[in-house]
């Protein structure tokens, strides 16, 4: 796997670092040649990366972290690690770029093979912007814009825009969430915590179910409150995906990723109905490609692409 042999494709290191686990991979082009996942433990990130590299010297590295990145350093959300770009570059022995994990996930979308996603709506694909939404711990959103120099990732805090109810039940949901939050955003619904809140809402509405629930329970359970929560989650996700499609004219497609959407029966839900329900603009909606990302290495693929583009 030497990267400096004549004619060899250079190695790049990609890492996706969260509060629980650190996923690492060495890429040659689009191919993962080695990968590992380890717990996010120890005094710092370098102590996880160096044993994985085993003395190999990648051309460049991109570290995607679950937390805000400012001026080359980041403090992980819900973890004691502070990641510094310059310190890692010295330890690894190559240029390093540090990015937020959803920026890496968004950049991974153009790197996907055709078996890395599933079409929810074919649409009409063009060279326009690509919108990416990722419900998980929070609601990540980003926009990819084609440019002469390649794809530009425009990070966003679009998950924090005001939630807009579309029917009487969602008006009741807004009032329910308003008792917990001064201001209700889409992330309060389209996230792991949002699933739990939806479940609690339907319990209060009289649906049967367990009084205690976590996101995994809500997704897997057959109880009426959990099923109603999942159905509403999919409907709100469709509505917000449609909002983003209109706001950005994402002719290159709208991609759904994150930890939750692949675990749901989106084809059997109201997601597409709500994606289309845009009043006078409804006639535009069938033209937007809508896709569900199924590749588990999306963030690593994006980090590898960013390493090649920014860290050299």
Foldseek 3Di string as FASTA:
>chain_A
DAQPPPPFQFWEKEWEDAQFKIKIFIDRVLDTPDIDMDTPDDDEDLVVPCVRCVPHATQWFEYAAQADDDPQWGQHDPHRYIDGQVVNCVSRVHFYHYHHLVLLLVLLVVSDDPVQWDWLAAAAADQAKEWEWEAEQFIWIWIWGQDPLGIDIGGDPQQFDAQDDDDPVVVLLLVQVCVVDVTDGNRCQRYFVNLVSQLVSVVVVPFDDDPDDGSVCLLPPPGPSSVRSLQVNLLSQLQVLLVVCVVRVRSNAYEYEYDPPVSHPNSPHCSPVNSQPDPPCSVVRSNHTYMYGRDPCSSRSSRRVCGVVPRD
